[in-house]
Protein backbone atom coordinates (compact mmCIF):
# COMPACT_ATOMS: atom_id res chain seq x y z
CA MET A 1 -2.23 17.92 -0.72
CA THR A 2 -0.70 21.05 -2.27
CA PRO A 3 -3.19 23.96 -2.38
CA LEU A 4 -4.72 24.64 -5.74
CA ARG A 5 -2.99 27.97 -6.08
CA ASN A 6 0.34 26.12 -6.19
CA ALA A 7 -0.83 23.96 -9.09
CA THR A 8 -0.11 26.79 -11.51
CA SER A 9 3.61 26.21 -11.04
CA THR A 10 3.28 22.61 -12.28
CA THR A 11 1.47 23.74 -15.48
CA GLN A 12 -0.61 20.86 -16.74
CA ALA A 13 -2.73 20.38 -19.87
CA GLY A 14 -6.27 19.73 -21.03
CA THR A 15 -8.89 21.40 -23.23
CA THR A 16 -12.61 21.01 -23.70
CA ARG A 17 -15.41 22.49 -25.73
CA ALA A 18 -16.02 26.15 -25.03
CA GLY A 19 -19.62 25.44 -24.07
CA ARG A 20 -18.46 23.38 -21.06
CA VAL A 21 -16.37 26.11 -19.47
CA ASP A 22 -19.13 27.78 -17.53
CA ALA A 23 -20.72 24.44 -16.67
CA GLY A 24 -17.49 23.16 -15.16
CA GLN A 25 -17.09 26.32 -13.14
CA ASP A 26 -20.64 26.07 -11.82
CA GLU A 27 -20.16 22.42 -10.87
CA TYR A 28 -16.99 23.31 -8.99
CA ARG A 29 -18.82 25.99 -7.04
CA GLY A 30 -21.64 23.58 -6.29
CA ALA A 31 -19.22 20.97 -5.02
CA HIS A 32 -17.58 23.39 -2.58
CA GLY A 33 -20.17 26.02 -1.80
CA GLY A 34 -18.70 28.98 -0.01
CA ALA A 35 -16.26 26.98 2.04
CA ARG A 36 -13.44 27.05 -0.51
CA PRO A 37 -10.79 29.72 -0.10
CA ASP A 38 -11.08 32.73 -2.36
CA GLN A 39 -7.69 31.89 -3.86
CA ASP A 40 -8.93 28.50 -5.05
CA ARG A 41 -12.01 29.97 -6.69
CA ALA A 42 -9.87 32.62 -8.36
CA PHE A 43 -7.59 29.89 -9.69
CA VAL A 44 -10.54 28.06 -11.22
CA ARG A 45 -11.89 31.24 -12.80
CA ARG A 46 -8.51 32.02 -14.34
CA ALA A 47 -8.16 28.49 -15.71
CA MET A 48 -11.64 28.55 -17.21
CA ARG A 49 -11.12 31.92 -18.92
CA LEU A 50 -7.79 31.23 -20.62
CA PRO A 51 -8.20 31.31 -24.41
CA LEU A 52 -8.07 28.03 -26.30
CA LEU A 53 -5.19 27.25 -28.65
CA SER A 54 -5.53 26.76 -32.37
CA PRO A 55 -4.26 23.48 -33.88
CA GLU A 56 -1.28 25.30 -35.35
CA GLU A 57 -0.36 26.84 -32.00
CA GLU A 58 -0.62 23.43 -30.28
CA VAL A 59 1.74 21.82 -32.79
CA ALA A 60 4.30 24.62 -32.55
CA LEU A 61 4.30 24.63 -28.75
CA ALA A 62 4.41 20.83 -28.50
CA ARG A 63 7.40 20.66 -30.82
CA ALA A 64 9.20 23.44 -28.96
CA TRP A 65 8.77 21.51 -25.72
CA ARG A 66 9.66 18.09 -27.11
CA GLU A 67 12.64 19.15 -29.22
CA HIS A 68 14.08 22.01 -27.17
CA GLN A 69 12.65 21.43 -23.66
CA ASP A 70 11.21 24.96 -23.78
CA GLN A 71 9.52 25.46 -20.40
CA THR A 72 7.69 28.55 -21.61
CA ALA A 73 6.21 26.57 -24.48
CA LEU A 74 5.15 23.83 -22.08
CA HIS A 75 3.37 26.36 -19.87
CA LYS A 76 1.59 27.91 -22.85
CA LEU A 77 0.56 24.45 -24.07
CA VAL A 78 -0.89 23.14 -20.84
CA ALA A 79 -2.29 26.23 -19.12
CA PRO A 80 -5.31 26.64 -21.43
CA HIS A 81 -6.16 22.98 -20.89
CA MET A 82 -6.56 23.27 -17.11
CA ARG A 83 -10.29 23.61 -17.75
CA LEU A 84 -10.33 19.98 -18.92
CA VAL A 85 -8.74 18.88 -15.64
CA ILE A 86 -11.34 20.81 -13.64
CA SER A 87 -14.33 19.62 -15.64
CA THR A 88 -13.11 16.01 -15.40
CA ALA A 89 -12.43 16.27 -11.67
CA VAL A 90 -15.91 17.54 -10.79
CA ARG A 91 -17.45 14.51 -12.51
CA PHE A 92 -15.79 12.33 -9.87
CA ARG A 93 -16.81 14.45 -6.86
CA HIS A 94 -19.53 11.95 -5.85
CA TYR A 95 -16.91 9.55 -4.54
CA GLY A 96 -16.43 11.68 -1.44
CA LEU A 97 -12.94 12.99 -2.18
CA PRO A 98 -12.02 16.71 -2.21
CA VAL A 99 -12.31 18.20 -5.68
CA SER A 100 -9.05 20.06 -5.10
CA ASP A 101 -7.27 16.72 -4.63
CA LEU A 102 -8.90 15.34 -7.75
CA ILE A 103 -7.70 18.37 -9.70
CA GLN A 104 -4.16 17.89 -8.45
CA GLU A 105 -4.19 14.27 -9.63
CA GLY A 106 -5.65 15.36 -12.94
CA ASN A 107 -2.74 17.79 -13.23
CA LEU A 108 -0.32 14.87 -12.96
CA GLY A 109 -2.12 13.09 -15.75
CA LEU A 110 -1.99 16.27 -17.79
CA MET A 111 1.78 16.45 -17.40
CA GLN A 112 2.07 12.82 -18.47
CA ALA A 113 0.11 13.68 -21.59
CA ALA A 114 2.36 16.68 -22.35
CA ALA A 115 5.46 14.50 -21.98
CA ARG A 116 4.16 11.85 -24.40
CA PHE A 117 2.23 13.95 -26.91
CA GLU A 118 3.31 13.47 -30.56
CA PRO A 119 2.01 16.40 -32.65
CA GLU A 120 2.85 14.71 -35.97
CA ARG A 121 -0.01 12.25 -35.40
CA GLU A 122 -2.44 15.10 -36.10
CA VAL A 123 -4.51 14.54 -32.96
CA ARG A 124 -5.68 17.47 -30.86
CA PHE A 125 -3.90 17.69 -27.54
CA SER A 126 -7.20 17.88 -25.65
CA THR A 127 -8.31 14.53 -27.10
CA TYR A 128 -5.02 12.90 -26.11
CA ALA A 129 -4.79 14.52 -22.67
CA ALA A 130 -8.36 13.59 -21.72
CA TRP A 131 -7.37 9.93 -21.43
CA TRP A 132 -4.38 10.63 -19.21
CA ILE A 133 -6.34 13.01 -16.99
CA ARG A 134 -9.20 10.59 -16.47
CA ALA A 135 -6.83 7.67 -15.85
CA ALA A 136 -4.91 9.63 -13.19
CA ILE A 137 -8.10 10.71 -11.41
CA GLN A 138 -9.61 7.23 -11.54
CA ASP A 139 -6.46 5.71 -10.08
CA PHE A 140 -6.50 8.30 -7.29
CA VAL A 141 -10.15 7.50 -6.51
CA LEU A 142 -9.43 3.78 -6.37
CA ARG A 143 -6.47 4.34 -4.04
CA ASN A 144 -8.27 6.69 -1.66
CA TRP A 145 -11.98 5.84 -1.81
CA SER A 146 -11.47 3.10 0.78
CA ILE A 147 -8.65 1.86 2.99
CA VAL A 148 -9.21 -1.51 1.29
CA ARG A 149 -7.83 -1.60 -2.24
CA THR A 150 -10.67 -1.67 -4.79
CA GLY A 151 -10.56 -2.40 -8.51
CA THR A 152 -7.33 -4.38 -8.73
CA THR A 153 -8.02 -5.55 -12.30
CA ALA A 154 -9.18 -3.72 -15.43
CA ALA A 155 -12.56 -5.47 -15.27
CA HIS A 156 -13.07 -4.58 -11.61
CA LYS A 157 -12.02 -0.99 -12.29
CA SER A 158 -14.62 -0.72 -15.04
CA LEU A 159 -17.21 -2.27 -12.72
CA PHE A 160 -16.40 0.20 -9.94
CA PHE A 161 -16.90 3.28 -12.12
CA ASN A 162 -19.86 2.02 -14.14
CA LEU A 163 -21.95 0.02 -11.69
CA ARG A 164 -24.18 2.86 -10.48
CA ARG A 165 -24.85 4.21 -13.98
CA LEU A 166 -25.58 0.83 -15.54
CA ARG A 167 -27.67 -0.27 -12.56
CA ALA A 168 -29.89 2.79 -12.93
CA ARG A 169 -30.28 2.11 -16.65
CA ILE A 170 -30.98 -1.62 -16.23
CA GLU A 171 -33.45 -1.29 -13.36
CA ARG A 172 -35.04 1.88 -14.81
CA GLY A 173 -35.40 3.64 -11.51
CA GLY A 174 -36.44 0.51 -9.64
CA PRO A 175 -34.96 -0.80 -6.38
CA ASP A 176 -31.43 0.19 -5.42
CA ALA A 177 -30.27 -3.44 -5.37
CA LEU A 178 -29.92 -5.30 -8.65
CA THR A 179 -32.28 -8.13 -9.43
CA PRO A 180 -30.73 -11.49 -10.38
CA GLU A 181 -31.56 -10.85 -14.04
CA GLY A 182 -30.15 -7.31 -13.84
CA ARG A 183 -26.97 -8.66 -12.27
CA ARG A 184 -26.54 -11.17 -15.08
CA GLN A 185 -27.12 -8.48 -17.68
CA LEU A 186 -24.59 -6.13 -16.08
CA ALA A 187 -22.01 -8.91 -15.82
CA ARG A 188 -22.37 -9.61 -19.55
CA GLN A 189 -22.01 -5.94 -20.47
CA LEU A 190 -18.82 -5.47 -18.42
CA ASN A 191 -17.41 -8.95 -19.06
CA VAL A 192 -17.18 -9.88 -15.38
CA THR A 193 -18.73 -12.64 -13.29
CA GLU A 194 -21.98 -12.27 -11.39
CA SER A 195 -20.07 -12.80 -8.14
CA ASP A 196 -17.86 -9.82 -9.05
CA VAL A 197 -20.97 -7.68 -9.54
CA LEU A 198 -22.43 -8.84 -6.23
CA HIS A 199 -19.16 -8.17 -4.40
CA MET A 200 -18.77 -4.68 -5.88
CA GLU A 201 -22.40 -3.91 -5.08
CA GLY A 202 -21.72 -4.68 -1.44
CA ARG A 203 -18.51 -2.64 -1.43
CA LEU A 204 -20.23 0.43 -2.86
CA ALA A 205 -23.22 0.11 -0.54
CA ALA A 206 -21.20 -0.06 2.67
CA GLY A 207 -18.40 2.24 3.72
CA ASP A 208 -15.36 1.44 5.82
CA ARG A 209 -16.04 0.62 9.45
CA SER A 210 -13.57 0.75 12.30
CA LEU A 211 -12.96 -2.51 14.14
CA ASN A 212 -12.81 -0.46 17.34
CA ALA A 213 -16.34 0.90 16.88
CA THR A 214 -18.56 -0.09 19.80
CA LEU A 215 -21.46 -2.49 19.32
CA SER A 216 -23.67 -0.99 22.00
CA GLU A 217 -24.08 2.15 24.03
CA ASP A 218 -22.28 0.74 27.07
CA GLY A 219 -19.07 0.64 25.01
CA GLU A 220 -17.90 -2.63 26.56
CA SER A 221 -17.58 -4.55 23.28
CA ASN A 222 -16.58 -3.63 19.74
CA TRP A 223 -16.53 -5.17 16.28
CA GLN A 224 -13.03 -6.52 16.85
CA ASP A 225 -14.40 -8.83 19.54
CA MET A 226 -16.65 -10.52 16.97
CA LEU A 227 -13.81 -11.57 14.64
CA VAL A 228 -13.22 -15.31 14.44
CA ASP A 229 -9.64 -16.54 14.69
CA ASP A 230 -9.27 -19.50 12.31
CA ARG A 231 -5.79 -20.37 13.52
CA PRO A 232 -5.38 -23.52 15.66
CA ASP A 233 -5.31 -22.92 19.40
CA PRO A 234 -2.00 -23.37 21.32
CA GLU A 235 -3.01 -26.83 22.55
CA ALA A 236 -3.62 -28.05 18.99
CA VAL A 237 -0.29 -26.58 17.86
CA ALA A 238 1.55 -28.33 20.68
CA MET A 239 -0.13 -31.65 19.85
CA GLN A 240 0.72 -31.28 16.17
CA GLN A 241 4.37 -30.58 16.96
CA ARG A 242 4.50 -33.60 19.29
CA ASP A 243 2.96 -35.86 16.63
CA SER A 244 5.43 -34.61 14.02
CA ARG A 245 8.37 -35.43 16.27
CA LEU A 246 7.02 -38.91 16.99
CA LYS A 247 6.42 -39.66 13.31
CA ALA A 248 9.89 -38.45 12.38
CA ARG A 249 11.42 -40.72 15.03
CA TRP A 250 9.38 -43.76 13.94
CA LEU A 251 10.29 -43.16 10.30
CA GLY A 252 13.96 -42.86 11.18
CA GLU A 253 13.86 -46.17 13.11
CA ALA A 254 12.08 -47.91 10.22
CA MET A 255 14.59 -46.56 7.69
CA ALA A 256 17.49 -47.79 9.84
CA GLU A 257 16.19 -51.37 9.55
CA LEU A 258 16.29 -51.34 5.73
CA PRO A 259 19.26 -52.77 3.80
CA GLU A 260 21.85 -50.14 3.00
CA ARG A 261 21.17 -50.06 -0.74
CA GLU A 262 17.39 -49.72 -0.33
CA ARG A 263 17.85 -47.00 2.30
CA ARG A 264 20.14 -45.09 -0.05
CA ILE A 265 17.57 -45.25 -2.85
CA LEU A 266 14.71 -43.97 -0.66
CA GLN A 267 16.83 -41.18 0.75
CA ALA A 268 17.87 -40.05 -2.74
CA ARG A 269 14.37 -40.36 -4.19
CA PHE A 270 12.15 -38.96 -1.40
CA PHE A 271 14.23 -37.30 1.32
CA SER A 272 16.63 -35.10 -0.63
CA GLU A 273 15.97 -31.49 -1.58
CA HIS A 274 16.06 -32.38 -5.28
CA GLY A 275 14.78 -35.86 -6.07
CA THR A 276 17.10 -38.08 -8.10
CA THR A 277 15.96 -39.97 -11.19
CA LEU A 278 16.03 -43.75 -11.41
CA GLU A 279 18.48 -43.56 -14.30
CA ARG A 280 20.94 -41.39 -12.38
CA LEU A 281 20.76 -43.66 -9.34
CA GLY A 282 21.34 -46.72 -11.51
CA THR A 283 24.43 -45.13 -13.04
CA SER A 284 25.91 -44.18 -9.65
CA MET A 285 25.15 -47.61 -8.16
CA GLY A 286 26.22 -49.62 -11.21
CA ILE A 287 22.82 -51.23 -11.80
CA SER A 288 20.04 -50.79 -14.34
CA LYS A 289 17.21 -48.30 -14.03
CA GLU A 290 14.70 -51.14 -13.82
CA ARG A 291 16.61 -52.74 -10.95
CA VAL A 292 16.56 -49.43 -9.07
CA ARG A 293 12.77 -49.29 -9.54
CA GLN A 294 12.40 -52.82 -8.17
CA LEU A 295 14.54 -52.04 -5.12
CA GLU A 296 12.55 -48.86 -4.49
CA ALA A 297 9.24 -50.73 -4.58
CA GLN A 298 10.65 -53.41 -2.28
CA ALA A 299 11.95 -50.79 0.19
CA LEU A 300 8.60 -48.99 0.27
CA THR A 301 6.81 -52.27 1.00
CA ARG A 302 9.19 -53.01 3.88
CA LEU A 303 8.75 -49.49 5.20
CA ARG A 304 4.93 -49.62 5.13
CA ARG A 305 4.92 -53.01 6.85
CA ARG A 306 7.23 -51.76 9.60
CA LEU A 307 5.21 -48.59 10.20
CA SER A 308 1.90 -50.49 10.23
CA ASP A 309 3.06 -52.31 13.37
CA ILE A 310 2.99 -48.99 15.28
CA PRO A 311 -0.43 -48.58 17.06
CA GLY A 312 -2.45 -45.57 15.88
CA LEU A 313 -0.20 -44.78 12.89
CA GLN A 314 -1.62 -45.17 9.39
CA PRO A 315 1.24 -45.16 6.87
CA HIS A 316 0.57 -43.73 3.41
């Protein structure tokens, strides 16, 4: 990921209430401790201290950017809103991803908001940008929280980000795992199935595990050795191929014994890539559709009788 100090060149947007500025800065420090580079902390301090824009200034800058592609106006519009990106990013720090990466993704959402913002709708830019910032960060979390894709639908995405909070509210500080009644209640609130809740509970409770991790201290076996291969073994595959060849040969011999007209009907109806209708066959053969149906039934009866004479073969 690009260091945070380079994010200033991309100039993204977001604003928040003035009372949350110091709180967001404190949360960022708490998430990183003293391990973050001084440049990153300086970047956060600068972003938090930029003055907020008035509604009139927002409208003027947004129009200058949209109508004249004024890069300076874009920078002035988005720079004061970096605090919204930071405060949103730190709320997702519990998913185990670097806050600096979350901020970078929030910056992308901020730029999307700046590109689509319509000042004539009389909505503050911070209100509009908050949705784009949160969506970008949530998508980044879903893509990077696990090597297995999580939250592939809107319902599952909502379940992923709300399960812990709603579980704590439903169980009121009780056991970590949901009770059956709590699971039903949560499924109703989020409009998902109980099996979805159970599956997401398991995903959040267990992290990724390498298949090459050893099962014991001797290191002679690993998790990969415990996987079951559901594919048929080579002997079964060979037997299946042999049976298919035999059945194809027997069917070909039985078809060869049919009268030419009946054989033509079966081939057109069941053995061509695109099955032919009775009416079309009747037209091409100069007979009625009903006569074609009778010949088809007669040919199938002959075919079943011939194949039933073969020991061990049950014709369908």
